[in-house]
Amino acid sequence: MKRGLTGIAEVSKALKDVGVDDSNLAFNLTWHDWLNLRSLCDISEVITKAAVARENSRGAHFREDFPDAGAMEDSDFTVAQLKDGDVNVTREPVKFTIVKPGETVLPHGAPETLVANP
Protein backbone atom coordinates (compact mmCIF):
# COMPACT_ATOMS: atom_id res chain seq x y z
CA MET A 1 0.00 0.00 0.00
CA LYS A 2 2.89 2.35 0.73
CA ARG A 3 4.31 1.66 -2.73
CA GLY A 4 0.85 2.44 -4.14
CA LEU A 5 0.85 5.80 -2.34
CA THR A 6 4.18 6.60 -3.99
CA GLY A 7 2.71 5.78 -7.42
CA ILE A 8 -0.37 7.91 -6.76
CA ALA A 9 1.87 10.83 -5.73
CA GLU A 10 3.91 10.44 -8.93
CA VAL A 11 0.80 10.52 -11.13
CA SER A 12 -0.56 13.52 -9.19
CA LYS A 13 2.72 15.38 -9.65
CA ALA A 14 2.83 14.56 -13.36
CA LEU A 15 -0.73 15.87 -13.79
CA LYS A 16 0.38 19.31 -12.60
CA ASP A 17 2.74 19.49 -15.59
CA VAL A 18 0.08 18.60 -18.17
CA GLY A 19 -1.26 21.56 -20.13
CA VAL A 20 -4.87 21.61 -21.30
CA ASP A 21 -6.38 24.08 -23.76
CA ASP A 22 -8.61 26.35 -21.69
CA SER A 23 -10.27 28.30 -24.51
CA ASN A 24 -13.57 26.41 -24.07
CA LEU A 25 -13.70 24.29 -20.91
CA ALA A 26 -17.45 23.54 -21.13
CA PHE A 27 -17.09 21.12 -24.04
CA ASN A 28 -13.42 20.26 -23.68
CA LEU A 29 -13.29 16.49 -23.15
CA THR A 30 -9.56 16.63 -22.45
CA TRP A 31 -10.20 19.07 -19.61
CA HIS A 32 -12.97 16.80 -18.25
CA ASP A 33 -10.64 13.78 -18.46
CA TRP A 34 -7.95 15.76 -16.60
CA LEU A 35 -10.43 16.65 -13.85
CA ASN A 36 -11.59 13.02 -13.59
CA LEU A 37 -8.01 11.75 -13.33
CA ARG A 38 -7.23 14.40 -10.71
CA SER A 39 -10.29 13.25 -8.71
CA LEU A 40 -9.28 9.59 -9.08
CA CYS A 41 -5.83 10.41 -7.70
CA ASP A 42 -7.36 12.25 -4.74
CA ILE A 43 -9.81 9.50 -3.82
CA SER A 44 -7.19 6.78 -4.39
CA GLU A 45 -4.92 8.52 -1.89
CA VAL A 46 -7.74 8.73 0.67
CA ILE A 47 -8.72 5.07 0.21
CA THR A 48 -5.12 3.86 0.46
CA LYS A 49 -4.32 5.96 3.53
CA ALA A 50 -7.54 4.74 5.16
CA ALA A 51 -6.53 1.14 4.43
CA VAL A 52 -3.10 1.72 6.00
CA ALA A 53 -4.73 3.23 9.11
CA ARG A 54 -7.13 0.28 9.54
CA GLU A 55 -5.94 -2.23 12.13
CA ASN A 56 -8.53 -4.96 11.61
CA SER A 57 -10.18 -6.97 8.87
CA ARG A 58 -13.87 -6.75 8.13
CA GLY A 59 -15.75 -7.94 5.04
CA ALA A 60 -13.77 -7.37 1.86
CA HIS A 61 -11.25 -5.22 3.74
CA PHE A 62 -8.78 -7.93 4.74
CA ARG A 63 -5.29 -7.27 6.06
CA GLU A 64 -2.81 -10.09 6.49
CA ASP A 65 -1.11 -8.21 9.33
CA PHE A 66 -4.47 -7.62 11.11
CA PRO A 67 -6.59 -10.68 10.22
CA ASP A 68 -8.96 -10.39 13.22
CA ALA A 69 -12.19 -8.45 12.74
CA GLY A 70 -12.27 -7.34 16.36
CA ALA A 71 -15.36 -6.75 18.46
CA MET A 72 -18.21 -4.83 16.82
CA GLU A 73 -18.46 -2.72 19.98
CA ASP A 74 -14.95 -1.43 19.21
CA SER A 75 -15.81 -0.43 15.64
CA ASP A 76 -14.49 2.82 14.30
CA PHE A 77 -14.80 4.80 11.11
CA THR A 78 -12.35 6.73 8.99
CA VAL A 79 -12.17 10.50 8.96
CA ALA A 80 -10.17 11.97 6.07
CA GLN A 81 -9.35 15.67 6.05
CA LEU A 82 -7.21 17.85 3.81
CA LYS A 83 -4.85 19.88 6.01
CA ASP A 84 -2.13 22.09 4.58
CA GLY A 85 -2.35 20.27 1.24
CA ASP A 86 -1.95 16.80 2.77
CA VAL A 87 -4.59 14.15 3.39
CA ASN A 88 -4.80 13.38 7.11
CA VAL A 89 -6.58 10.14 8.08
CA THR A 90 -7.77 9.44 11.62
CA ARG A 91 -10.11 6.89 13.20
CA GLU A 92 -13.07 7.70 15.45
CA PRO A 93 -15.25 5.26 17.38
CA VAL A 94 -18.71 4.45 16.06
CA LYS A 95 -21.39 5.71 18.44
CA PHE A 96 -24.18 3.13 18.48
CA THR A 97 -27.08 5.47 19.31
CA ILE A 98 -30.03 3.59 17.77
CA VAL A 99 -29.12 -0.09 17.88
CA LYS A 100 -26.06 -1.71 19.43
CA PRO A 101 -24.26 -4.80 18.11
CA GLY A 102 -26.28 -7.91 18.96
CA GLU A 103 -29.51 -5.94 19.38
CA THR A 104 -32.39 -5.60 16.92
CA VAL A 105 -35.00 -2.98 16.08
CA LEU A 106 -37.39 -5.68 14.86
CA PRO A 107 -40.43 -6.47 17.03
CA HIS A 108 -40.21 -9.44 19.41
CA GLY A 109 -40.78 -12.71 17.53
CA ALA A 110 -40.19 -11.17 14.08
CA PRO A 111 -38.12 -13.25 11.65
CA GLU A 112 -34.46 -12.32 11.32
CA THR A 113 -35.11 -11.19 7.79
CA LEU A 114 -38.14 -9.45 6.35
CA VAL A 115 -37.52 -11.04 2.94
CA ALA A 116 -40.20 -13.60 2.15
CA ASN A 117 -39.07 -17.18 1.62
CA PRO A 118 -39.96 -18.57 -1.84
C-alpha atoms as a PDB file:
ATOM      1  CA  MET A   1       0.000   0.000   0.000  1.00  0.00           C
ATOM      2  CA  LYS A   2       2.888   2.346   0.725  1.00  0.00           C
ATOM      3  CA  ARG A   3       4.307   1.659  -2.731  1.00  0.00           C
ATOM      4  CA  GLY A   4       0.854   2.437  -4.141  1.00  0.00           C
ATOM      5  CA  LEU A   5       0.850   5.796  -2.340  1.00  0.00           C
ATOM      6  CA  THR A   6       4.175   6.600  -3.995  1.00  0.00           C
ATOM      7  CA  GLY A   7       2.713   5.776  -7.418  1.00  0.00           C
ATOM      8  CA  ILE A   8      -0.370   7.910  -6.755  1.00  0.00           C
ATOM      9  CA  ALA A   9       1.866  10.825  -5.727  1.00  0.00           C
ATOM     10  CA  GLU A  10       3.911  10.441  -8.930  1.00  0.00           C
ATOM     11  CA  VAL A  11       0.797  10.519 -11.127  1.00  0.00           C
ATOM     12  CA  SER A  12      -0.556  13.520  -9.193  1.00  0.00           C
ATOM     13  CA  LYS A  13       2.720  15.381  -9.645  1.00  0.00           C
ATOM     14  CA  ALA A  14       2.829  14.556 -13.361  1.00  0.00           C
ATOM     15  CA  LEU A  15      -0.731  15.868 -13.789  1.00  0.00           C
ATOM     16  CA  LYS A  16       0.381  19.307 -12.599  1.00  0.00           C
ATOM     17  CA  ASP A  17       2.743  19.493 -15.591  1.00  0.00           C
ATOM     18  CA  VAL A  18       0.076  18.604 -18.168  1.00  0.00           C
ATOM     19  CA  GLY A  19      -1.256  21.556 -20.132  1.00  0.00           C
ATOM     20  CA  VAL A  20      -4.866  21.606 -21.295  1.00  0.00           C
ATOM     21  CA  ASP A  21      -6.377  24.082 -23.757  1.00  0.00           C
ATOM     22  CA  ASP A  22      -8.608  26.347 -21.694  1.00  0.00           C
ATOM     23  CA  SER A  23     -10.265  28.302 -24.508  1.00  0.00           C
ATOM     24  CA  ASN A  24     -13.569  26.410 -24.075  1.00  0.00           C
ATOM     25  CA  LEU A  25     -13.701  24.290 -20.907  1.00  0.00           C
ATOM     26  CA  ALA A  26     -17.446  23.543 -21.126  1.00  0.00           C
ATOM     27  CA  PHE A  27     -17.092  21.117 -24.036  1.00  0.00           C
ATOM     28  CA  ASN A  28     -13.415  20.261 -23.685  1.00  0.00           C
ATOM     29  CA  LEU A  29     -13.285  16.487 -23.151  1.00  0.00           C
ATOM     30  CA  THR A  30      -9.558  16.631 -22.453  1.00  0.00           C
ATOM     31  CA  TRP A  31     -10.204  19.069 -19.609  1.00  0.00           C
ATOM     32  CA  HIS A  32     -12.967  16.801 -18.249  1.00  0.00           C
ATOM     33  CA  ASP A  33     -10.640  13.783 -18.459  1.00  0.00           C
ATOM     34  CA  TRP A  34      -7.946  15.758 -16.598  1.00  0.00           C
ATOM     35  CA  LEU A  35     -10.432  16.652 -13.848  1.00  0.00           C
ATOM     36  CA  ASN A  36     -11.588  13.016 -13.595  1.00  0.00           C
ATOM     37  CA  LEU A  37      -8.006  11.747 -13.333  1.00  0.00           C
ATOM     38  CA  ARG A  38      -7.230  14.401 -10.706  1.00  0.00           C
ATOM     39  CA  SER A  39     -10.293  13.247  -8.711  1.00  0.00           C
ATOM     40  CA  LEU A  40      -9.278   9.590  -9.081  1.00  0.00           C
ATOM     41  CA  CYS A  41      -5.827  10.405  -7.699  1.00  0.00           C
ATOM     42  CA  ASP A  42      -7.357  12.253  -4.738  1.00  0.00           C
ATOM     43  CA  ILE A  43      -9.808   9.505  -3.817  1.00  0.00           C
ATOM     44  CA  SER A  44      -7.191   6.779  -4.391  1.00  0.00           C
ATOM     45  CA  GLU A  45      -4.922   8.523  -1.889  1.00  0.00           C
ATOM     46  CA  VAL A  46      -7.743   8.732   0.673  1.00  0.00           C
ATOM     47  CA  ILE A  47      -8.717   5.068   0.209  1.00  0.00           C
ATOM     48  CA  THR A  48      -5.119   3.863   0.462  1.00  0.00           C
ATOM     49  CA  LYS A  49      -4.322   5.959   3.534  1.00  0.00           C
ATOM     50  CA  ALA A  50      -7.544   4.745   5.158  1.00  0.00           C
ATOM     51  CA  ALA A  51      -6.526   1.144   4.434  1.00  0.00           C
ATOM     52  CA  VAL A  52      -3.099   1.719   5.996  1.00  0.00           C
ATOM     53  CA  ALA A  53      -4.732   3.232   9.110  1.00  0.00           C
ATOM     54  CA  ARG A  54      -7.133   0.282   9.538  1.00  0.00           C
ATOM     55  CA  GLU A  55      -5.943  -2.231  12.131  1.00  0.00           C
ATOM     56  CA  ASN A  56      -8.534  -4.956  11.612  1.00  0.00           C
ATOM     57  CA  SER A  57     -10.179  -6.972   8.868  1.00  0.00           C
ATOM     58  CA  ARG A  58     -13.866  -6.755   8.129  1.00  0.00           C
ATOM     59  CA  GLY A  59     -15.754  -7.941   5.044  1.00  0.00           C
ATOM     60  CA  ALA A  60     -13.770  -7.375   1.865  1.00  0.00           C
ATOM     61  CA  HIS A  61     -11.247  -5.215   3.739  1.00  0.00           C
ATOM     62  CA  PHE A  62      -8.778  -7.928   4.740  1.00  0.00           C
ATOM     63  CA  ARG A  63      -5.291  -7.272   6.061  1.00  0.00           C
ATOM     64  CA  GLU A  64      -2.805 -10.088   6.488  1.00  0.00           C
ATOM     65  CA  ASP A  65      -1.105  -8.206   9.332  1.00  0.00           C
ATOM     66  CA  PHE A  66      -4.466  -7.616  11.107  1.00  0.00           C
ATOM     67  CA  PRO A  67      -6.592 -10.681  10.223  1.00  0.00           C
ATOM     68  CA  ASP A  68      -8.957 -10.391  13.221  1.00  0.00           C
ATOM     69  CA  ALA A  69     -12.192  -8.451  12.740  1.00  0.00           C
ATOM     70  CA  GLY A  70     -12.269  -7.339  16.359  1.00  0.00           C
ATOM     71  CA  ALA A  71     -15.356  -6.749  18.460  1.00  0.00           C
ATOM     72  CA  MET A  72     -18.212  -4.829  16.825  1.00  0.00           C
ATOM     73  CA  GLU A  73     -18.458  -2.717  19.980  1.00  0.00           C
ATOM     74  CA  ASP A  74     -14.952  -1.435  19.207  1.00  0.00           C
ATOM     75  CA  SER A  75     -15.814  -0.434  15.639  1.00  0.00           C
ATOM     76  CA  ASP A  76     -14.485   2.818  14.300  1.00  0.00           C
ATOM     77  CA  PHE A  77     -14.804   4.797  11.106  1.00  0.00           C
ATOM     78  CA  THR A  78     -12.350   6.727   8.995  1.00  0.00           C
ATOM     79  CA  VAL A  79     -12.167  10.505   8.964  1.00  0.00           C
ATOM     80  CA  ALA A  80     -10.165  11.970   6.072  1.00  0.00           C
ATOM     81  CA  GLN A  81      -9.352  15.669   6.050  1.00  0.00           C
ATOM     82  CA  LEU A  82      -7.207  17.846   3.811  1.00  0.00           C
ATOM     83  CA  LYS A  83      -4.850  19.875   6.010  1.00  0.00           C
ATOM     84  CA  ASP A  84      -2.128  22.085   4.578  1.00  0.00           C
ATOM     85  CA  GLY A  85      -2.352  20.274   1.241  1.00  0.00           C
ATOM     86  CA  ASP A  86      -1.947  16.803   2.772  1.00  0.00           C
ATOM     87  CA  VAL A  87      -4.593  14.150   3.390  1.00  0.00           C
ATOM     88  CA  ASN A  88      -4.799  13.381   7.109  1.00  0.00           C
ATOM     89  CA  VAL A  89      -6.583  10.143   8.082  1.00  0.00           C
ATOM     90  CA  THR A  90      -7.774   9.444  11.621  1.00  0.00           C
ATOM     91  CA  ARG A  91     -10.112   6.888  13.204  1.00  0.00           C
ATOM     92  CA  GLU A  92     -13.072   7.695  15.448  1.00  0.00           C
ATOM     93  CA  PRO A  93     -15.249   5.256  17.385  1.00  0.00           C
ATOM     94  CA  VAL A  94     -18.709   4.455  16.058  1.00  0.00           C
ATOM     95  CA  LYS A  95     -21.394   5.709  18.435  1.00  0.00           C
ATOM     96  CA  PHE A  96     -24.177   3.134  18.479  1.00  0.00           C
ATOM     97  CA  THR A  97     -27.081   5.467  19.314  1.00  0.00           C
ATOM     98  CA  ILE A  98     -30.026   3.586  17.771  1.00  0.00           C
ATOM     99  CA  VAL A  99     -29.120  -0.085  17.879  1.00  0.00           C
ATOM    100  CA  LYS A 100     -26.059  -1.715  19.427  1.00  0.00           C
ATOM    101  CA  PRO A 101     -24.257  -4.805  18.106  1.00  0.00           C
ATOM    102  CA  GLY A 102     -26.275  -7.908  18.961  1.00  0.00           C
ATOM    103  CA  GLU A 103     -29.513  -5.943  19.380  1.00  0.00           C
ATOM    104  CA  THR A 104     -32.388  -5.600  16.922  1.00  0.00           C
ATOM    105  CA  VAL A 105     -34.999  -2.984  16.079  1.00  0.00           C
ATOM    106  CA  LEU A 106     -37.395  -5.680  14.858  1.00  0.00           C
ATOM    107  CA  PRO A 107     -40.434  -6.469  17.028  1.00  0.00           C
ATOM    108  CA  HIS A 108     -40.207  -9.438  19.406  1.00  0.00           C
ATOM    109  CA  GLY A 109     -40.783 -12.706  17.529  1.00  0.00           C
ATOM    110  CA  ALA A 110     -40.193 -11.173  14.077  1.00  0.00           C
ATOM    111  CA  PRO A 111     -38.117 -13.246  11.652  1.00  0.00           C
ATOM    112  CA  GLU A 112     -34.456 -12.316  11.322  1.00  0.00           C
ATOM    113  CA  THR A 113     -35.110 -11.192   7.791  1.00  0.00           C
ATOM    114  CA  LEU A 114     -38.139  -9.446   6.350  1.00  0.00           C
ATOM    115  CA  VAL A 115     -37.519 -11.040   2.943  1.00  0.00           C
ATOM    116  CA  ALA A 116     -40.197 -13.601   2.147  1.00  0.00           C
ATOM    117  CA  ASN A 117     -39.065 -17.178   1.624  1.00  0.00           C
ATOM    118  CA  PRO A 118     -39.956 -18.571  -1.838  1.00  0.00           C
END
